Every structure is written in structure tokens, then in C-alpha cells.
Amino acid sequence: MTSQNYHLVIVGYGGMGSYHAKHLLKGNQNIEVSGTYDISEDRRTASMADGYKTYESLAAVLSDDAVDFVLIATPNDVHKDIAIAALNAGKHVICEKPVTIYSADLVEIMETAKINDRAFIVHQNRRWDEDFLTMKKIYDEQIIGDVFHIESRVQGANGIPGDWRHLKEYGGGMLLDWGVHLLDQLLFMIDSKITSVYANFSYILGDDVDDGFQVFITFENGITSLVEVGTTNFIQLPRWYTKGTKGTAVIHDWDINGKIVTQNSGEVEAPKPIKAGQGLTKTMAPPSEKAVSTSDLPKVVKTMESFYENVVSVVEGSAEPIVKNEEVLRVLRLMETIFKSAETNQVIQDFDLVPAKN
């Protein structure tokens, strides 16, 4: 079956909106960017300079029968209103993350999409990141045995970027900005309920929103995880550090620098004590050469459609969405639980075991 051609309008022609146009949709055979809308005159000018039609209002976008898709790439606080208006106008909607600030708002959007029989898909793009897919392969194929602890982090030293991301009313802060990605990756990889959540936030920069956080998550299957984001780290820790029953895997950065160290089977030479500070230790001594093997990280081959390939397949009824709204909703509810844990300085028990309240 040959796919038809679709027309998409970008609402919010800032960094992410223009990135979709210039990179993610460039050369796409099925979806054409037919125009943009932005409240900023500078961004309307930039859109025209890039060769796109600019709409004078959101109403003009939604009343245009030639528009099939609306892509929402605005600040987080207005996602809900734009999405509901576009769905009620009969448009399919793609939305940047976090899709909404509150989970109840996403529930309302999902109900609106169902009533109008339109697709609503969230751009959780980092499910396609090579570092994540590499770690997911290590996890899925038990390359280091049964994984029991995962650390996932991103760290920088440039503070909170942009302008609105500093402000709570617009959905700013690092949990909503980067946490939504790392948590989505973690839950997409680990098929288990969450039993406990504990979090703490950093406010070193003096903003009303968090400039970093640490979240400790325990899953029902026994896996523990540390998810960490920082914007005041002048020395970065590894992007991924994962322990299994037969070894350890580390990925240092997005360039996939890292390695796997696994334990050799059979009898091996015991470690020799080493001098550690003012004492000796055998426990913390490096294993003998014959006790372990070091190998390269596995190569990842393409295993799923690209985001926009999947969007077309979903609309044409030939595939399920890779990013399911129920999964996005679970991540939003987890972030609300993380906020609660940080505010109360308490471990929140049985996240997935107690029915959520909308």
C-alpha cells in the first residue's frame, strides 16, 4: 500500500520546531511542512526566511482544510489547549515533551483524540538514541547476566538553558525538561511495576524550578535505578552505568564510548591485597587478569521504524504507535510522584500498585 502525502504545520517555530523542519522531516516522502505559526515576530521572520508559509493565528491553522497534522513545539504550559483545539478541528496532533505538566491534562487530551478519532502522538524522541538502544540491548540479551542496578544520568555545567525553562508557570526545570526523557527510557526498557520512589532536587542556581535532581527507583522485579540530571557538573559521570550478575557495562557519552567487563567462569586466581590509603584491602582490589574479560559495547542495528515513519503507519492503520499514550501517562504520573517525594522528603511506596487518581 502506497502512503498518501500529508501536510503538517508547526506551532512554535523555536529550537525544537525548526529542528523538526530542518532535520527530522527533511526529505520525508510522506509528510510535508506546509507552514508554521508562532506568536513571536522574530520566529515568523525566521520561518519565512526558511521558506515556509506563516499563519497569522492558530485559528487560521485549524480552519485550513489542507492541514492534516499539527506539531506542537511551544512552551509546556500551552500544550493542552492547543492539542485539544487541533483535535476538535479534525487534525492529527504530534506534541513535544513533556506533553503536559499535569497527568490529568493528558487524560483529557487522550479522551478528546478518541472522540474525534484522531491520532495524538508524543515525540519521545530519545527512545531512538543509540546510547539507550545499546544499553537496552545489553539488558534484553542479558549480556552481563541479570541486570540488578541501572544508573542513567546527563550532566552539564551551563545551568538551565533558555528563558521560560527557568519559570515554574511554563513547566520549567530539569525534571520536566530532561527527566521526562530518562524516565521514559527506563520504563520503556524495564517491564516491571515500580514499588518505591525517592527523590531530591537541586536549587543551587537560585531558580524557582529545579536545576537538577536525583531519583532512586525500586522495581517489583528487584532492579534498582538511579536517575540523575545536573546542570552544575564541571566533571561528568558516565551516561550509563549498569551492573548485572555476570558483569558491568558503562557508556560514558553519546558517542558510545564505553566497555563491558564480565566475570570469567571456572576457577580463577584470587585477588591479591593492595595498599589502600593507610591500610590493606582484598575486597576492593582489582580482579586478577584471568578473572575477567573486557569487551566492546555491542552494535545496535535498526529494530523499529523511525518516529515519523511510525506516525504515518499509525495514521494509516498499519502499526501501533511506538510511543503509546498510556506509557507517556505513566511517566507523567511518575514525575508527579517524584515532585511529591522531593517536597515531603519521603519514600513514596507502591507507585504502580495503587490505582492512580485523575
Foldseek 3Di string as FASTA:
>chain_A
DDFAAAEEEEEDQPDVSVCCQPPVCVPPPHYDHAAYEYPDPVSNVVRVVVPHHYDPDLVVVLPDPRHAEYEYDDQQACLLVSLLSNLVSVHAYEYEFPSHLALVSLVVSVVSCVVSVHHYYYCLPCLPQQVLLLVLCCQVVVVQHHWAEKEAEDEAAAFFDDDCLLPVNRPHADCRVPVLNVLLSVCLRDPFAWFKKAKAFDCPVPGPYGQKMWMWTATPVNHIYIYIYHHRDPDDAARMWIHHPFWIWTQRDSVRDTKIKGFDDDDDDQADWDDDPPRIDSVPGDGDPNGIDIGGRDGDDDDDDRQVVQVSCVRVVNDDHPGDSVSSSLSSLVSVVHVVNNVVVDMDGDSPPDDDDD
